[in-house]
């Protein structure tokens, strides 16, 4: 069972997009953009949905919190390991083929250290899992393919891990085969506060609501150890 007492939810309606607080979410909240059915979380974000402030794209996405609804923000040096672990499948992509399914964001800016993105190629009829990261705040992001050959509607797992020493890693597991990617963040990230996000953050804003990003999570867990 996924513990919703550690998250709030942003949905792509309202101006700016609406946030559902943690107590309401954990109390059984559901709508067209988010459903919790027998412990499986369903996220749907149409490309014509509204966005959060300063964002270009719509999202149905969870944001790390405490159980009382207070936003949980942390510095990576405060724990030996900061982990986000998920098992999911992507069930719909927009025409760009891109949906962000997990990230570490930063409070201080709109330049997060890492996003984990599913990218589907209609011509190849398959997708890949990509890490989009910044080695230091304010620089352009770099994309690295971690895993190829991940089909739509295929279950897979990912883990984002950031250690006290600033080592950033993404682990993936598809069909019982694991792969790992790691890098070292510049120490300047240590001055910034961070938080985990997960769901369907569609990377497209052109079209109607027949175009969307959708994902189903059957496992999702945060740990700071």
Protein backbone atom coordinates (compact mmCIF):
# COMPACT_ATOMS: atom_id res chain seq x y z
CA UNK A 1 0.00 0.00 0.00
CA UNK A 2 1.35 3.44 -0.95
CA UNK A 3 1.45 5.86 1.99
CA UNK A 4 -0.24 9.08 0.87
CA UNK A 5 0.53 10.72 4.21
CA UNK A 6 3.91 11.74 2.74
CA UNK A 7 2.55 13.63 -0.29
CA UNK A 8 0.32 16.38 -1.57
CA UNK A 9 -1.05 16.41 -5.12
CA UNK A 10 -1.07 18.98 -7.92
CA UNK A 11 -3.77 18.62 -10.59
CA UNK A 12 -3.99 20.61 -13.87
CA UNK A 13 -7.11 22.69 -13.13
CA UNK A 14 -7.43 26.26 -11.84
CA UNK A 15 -5.13 29.22 -12.32
CA UNK A 16 -2.51 28.38 -11.16
CA UNK A 17 -2.95 24.62 -10.96
CA UNK A 18 -4.69 23.29 -7.85
CA UNK A 19 -2.91 21.60 -4.93
CA UNK A 20 -4.75 18.97 -2.88
CA UNK A 21 -3.31 18.96 0.63
CA UNK A 22 -2.02 15.84 2.35
CA UNK A 23 -4.91 15.19 4.79
CA UNK A 24 -7.47 15.45 1.98
CA UNK A 25 -5.40 13.25 -0.32
CA UNK A 26 -4.83 10.59 2.35
CA UNK A 27 -8.52 10.75 3.23
CA UNK A 28 -9.53 9.28 -0.11
CA UNK A 29 -9.49 12.18 -2.59
CA UNK A 30 -10.04 11.21 -6.24
CA UNK A 31 -10.89 13.08 -9.44
CA UNK A 32 -10.44 12.84 -13.20
CA UNK A 33 -6.68 13.41 -12.87
CA UNK A 34 -5.88 11.14 -9.93
CA UNK A 35 -7.38 7.89 -8.69
CA UNK A 36 -6.41 5.44 -5.97
CA UNK A 37 -7.94 2.05 -6.78
CA UNK A 38 -7.01 -0.86 -4.53
CA UNK A 39 -3.67 0.73 -3.74
CA UNK A 40 -2.73 1.54 -7.35
CA UNK A 41 -2.31 5.26 -8.12
CA UNK A 42 -3.50 6.50 -11.52
CA UNK A 43 -2.20 9.86 -12.80
CA UNK A 44 -3.52 11.62 -15.91
CA UNK A 45 -2.36 15.01 -17.20
CA UNK A 46 -3.83 16.33 -20.49
CA UNK A 47 -1.68 18.70 -22.53
CA UNK A 48 -4.35 21.43 -22.35
CA UNK A 49 -4.41 21.44 -18.54
CA UNK A 50 -3.35 24.39 -16.44
CA UNK A 51 0.13 24.70 -14.96
CA UNK A 52 1.82 25.69 -11.74
CA UNK A 53 3.43 29.12 -11.53
CA UNK A 54 6.42 29.49 -13.88
CA UNK A 55 5.86 26.02 -15.42
CA UNK A 56 5.26 25.38 -19.12
CA UNK A 57 3.57 22.00 -18.85
CA UNK A 58 0.62 20.45 -16.98
CA UNK A 59 0.98 17.80 -14.31
CA UNK A 60 -0.84 15.34 -12.11
CA UNK A 61 1.99 14.92 -9.65
CA UNK A 62 2.74 14.26 -6.00
CA UNK A 63 5.01 16.46 -3.91
CA UNK A 64 6.79 15.35 -0.73
CA UNK A 65 5.22 16.51 2.57
CA UNK A 66 4.77 15.65 6.22
CA UNK A 67 1.52 14.03 7.37
CA UNK A 68 0.08 17.37 8.58
CA UNK A 69 0.44 18.79 5.08
CA UNK A 70 3.59 20.83 5.73
CA UNK A 71 5.94 20.67 2.79
CA UNK A 72 8.96 18.52 3.49
CA UNK A 73 12.21 20.07 2.27
CA UNK A 74 15.66 18.73 3.00
CA UNK A 75 19.37 19.14 2.36
CA UNK A 76 21.08 16.05 1.09
CA UNK A 77 23.80 16.26 3.75
CA UNK A 78 21.22 15.66 6.49
CA UNK A 79 20.83 11.93 5.71
CA UNK A 80 23.17 9.18 4.57
CA UNK A 81 20.73 8.35 1.75
CA UNK A 82 17.69 10.16 0.36
CA UNK A 83 15.65 7.68 -1.70
CA UNK A 84 12.60 7.65 -3.94
CA UNK A 85 11.56 4.14 -5.04
CA UNK A 86 8.75 3.45 -7.52
CA UNK A 87 7.22 0.67 -9.57
CA UNK A 88 4.93 1.77 -12.39
CA UNK A 89 3.95 1.63 -16.00
CA UNK A 90 3.37 4.51 -18.41
CA UNK A 91 0.05 4.04 -20.17
CA UNK A 92 -0.21 7.16 -22.35
CA UNK A 93 2.15 9.75 -23.81
CA UNK A 94 1.55 12.99 -25.74
CA UNK A 95 2.82 13.64 -29.27
CA UNK A 96 6.27 14.55 -27.89
CA UNK A 97 6.38 11.09 -26.29
CA UNK A 98 7.74 12.56 -23.02
CA UNK A 99 6.45 12.24 -19.45
CA UNK A 100 8.46 13.02 -16.30
CA UNK A 101 7.72 10.27 -13.76
CA UNK A 102 9.97 11.29 -10.86
CA UNK A 103 12.27 14.08 -9.79
CA UNK A 104 14.26 15.81 -7.11
CA UNK A 105 13.26 19.46 -7.24
CA UNK A 106 14.82 22.47 -5.54
CA UNK A 107 12.99 25.10 -3.47
CA UNK A 108 15.29 27.89 -4.61
CA UNK A 109 14.70 27.72 -8.37
CA UNK A 110 13.17 26.09 -11.44
CA UNK A 111 16.35 24.20 -12.31
CA UNK A 112 16.00 20.87 -10.47
CA UNK A 113 19.02 18.60 -10.04
CA UNK A 114 17.27 15.64 -11.68
CA UNK A 115 14.17 14.51 -13.53
CA UNK A 116 13.54 10.91 -14.53
CA UNK A 117 11.63 10.86 -17.81
CA UNK A 118 9.95 8.19 -19.92
CA UNK A 119 10.39 8.89 -23.64
CA UNK A 120 8.39 6.95 -26.20
CA UNK A 121 9.22 6.76 -29.90
CA UNK A 122 6.18 6.12 -32.10
CA UNK A 123 8.41 5.08 -35.00
CA UNK A 124 10.29 2.51 -32.90
CA UNK A 125 7.19 1.56 -30.89
CA UNK A 126 9.23 1.49 -27.70
CA UNK A 127 10.47 3.83 -25.00
CA UNK A 128 13.46 4.62 -22.85
CA UNK A 129 14.13 5.88 -19.35
CA UNK A 130 16.20 9.05 -19.29
CA UNK A 131 17.92 11.02 -16.52
CA UNK A 132 17.89 14.78 -17.09
CA UNK A 133 20.28 16.30 -14.58
CA UNK A 134 22.29 19.40 -13.70
CA UNK A 135 25.75 19.02 -12.21
CA UNK A 136 25.39 22.42 -10.50
CA UNK A 137 22.60 24.98 -10.02
CA UNK A 138 21.85 27.24 -12.97
CA UNK A 139 23.65 25.28 -15.69
CA UNK A 140 21.95 23.65 -18.66
CA UNK A 141 20.62 20.16 -18.08
CA UNK A 142 22.20 17.06 -19.60
CA UNK A 143 20.20 14.01 -20.74
CA UNK A 144 21.48 10.47 -20.29
CA UNK A 145 19.65 7.33 -21.44
CA UNK A 146 19.61 4.81 -18.61
CA UNK A 147 17.45 2.14 -20.17
CA UNK A 148 16.08 1.45 -23.68
CA UNK A 149 13.44 -0.98 -24.92
CA UNK A 150 10.77 -0.17 -22.33
CA UNK A 151 7.35 -0.63 -23.91
CA UNK A 152 4.23 1.32 -23.14
CA UNK A 153 2.15 -0.45 -20.48
CA UNK A 154 5.22 -2.41 -19.37
CA UNK A 155 5.90 -2.49 -15.64
CA UNK A 156 9.30 -1.25 -14.47
CA UNK A 157 10.95 0.14 -11.36
CA UNK A 158 13.19 3.10 -10.72
CA UNK A 159 15.02 4.47 -7.70
CA UNK A 160 16.48 7.96 -7.32
CA UNK A 161 19.13 8.13 -4.62
CA UNK A 162 21.16 11.08 -3.38
CA UNK A 163 23.78 10.45 -0.70
CA UNK A 164 25.26 12.67 1.97
CA UNK A 165 28.41 12.93 -0.17
CA UNK A 166 26.44 14.26 -3.16
CA UNK A 167 26.46 11.06 -5.22
CA UNK A 168 23.33 10.94 -7.36
CA UNK A 169 22.17 7.58 -8.71
CA UNK A 170 19.25 6.25 -10.71
CA UNK A 171 18.55 2.52 -10.63
CA UNK A 172 16.14 0.84 -13.04
CA UNK A 173 14.73 -2.66 -13.19
CA UNK A 174 12.90 -4.03 -16.22
CA UNK A 175 12.08 -7.73 -16.65
CA UNK A 176 14.25 -8.55 -13.60
CA UNK A 177 17.29 -6.90 -15.22
CA UNK A 178 18.80 -4.02 -13.23
CA UNK A 179 20.90 -1.10 -14.43
CA UNK A 180 22.49 1.81 -12.60
CA UNK A 181 23.65 5.28 -13.53
CA UNK A 182 25.59 7.56 -11.17
CA UNK A 183 27.18 10.99 -11.13
CA UNK A 184 28.60 13.36 -8.52
CA UNK A 185 26.84 16.66 -7.93
CA UNK A 186 28.85 19.84 -7.50
CA UNK A 187 29.01 20.85 -3.80
CA UNK A 188 27.15 24.08 -4.59
CA UNK A 189 23.96 22.00 -4.57
CA UNK A 190 24.56 21.53 -0.84
CA UNK A 191 23.27 25.04 -0.10
CA UNK A 192 19.88 24.32 -1.66
CA UNK A 193 16.86 22.57 -0.17
CA UNK A 194 15.19 19.75 -2.09
CA UNK A 195 12.12 17.53 -2.23
CA UNK A 196 10.87 14.51 -4.17
CA UNK A 197 8.07 14.51 -6.75
CA UNK A 198 6.43 11.66 -8.68
CA UNK A 199 3.49 11.13 -11.03
CA UNK A 200 2.71 12.27 -14.58
CA UNK A 201 4.32 15.58 -15.54
CA UNK A 202 3.54 15.71 -19.24
CA UNK A 203 6.20 17.42 -21.40
CA UNK A 204 3.82 18.90 -23.96
CA UNK A 205 1.28 21.73 -24.01
CA UNK A 206 -0.06 21.65 -27.58
CA UNK A 207 -3.30 19.87 -28.40
CA UNK A 208 -6.56 18.95 -26.65
CA UNK A 209 -7.33 16.51 -23.86
CA UNK A 210 -7.13 13.52 -26.16
CA UNK A 211 -3.37 14.06 -25.77
CA UNK A 212 -2.03 13.37 -22.30
CA UNK A 213 0.54 11.68 -20.15
CA UNK A 214 -0.69 8.89 -17.89
CA UNK A 215 0.98 6.49 -15.47
CA UNK A 216 -0.01 3.82 -12.95
CA UNK A 217 2.09 3.40 -9.79
CA UNK A 218 1.71 0.30 -7.64
CA UNK A 219 4.70 1.08 -5.43
CA UNK A 220 5.99 4.47 -4.29
CA UNK A 221 8.08 5.19 -1.21
CA UNK A 222 10.32 7.92 0.19
CA UNK A 223 13.06 7.22 2.73
CA UNK A 224 15.63 9.50 4.35
CA UNK A 225 18.07 7.26 6.20
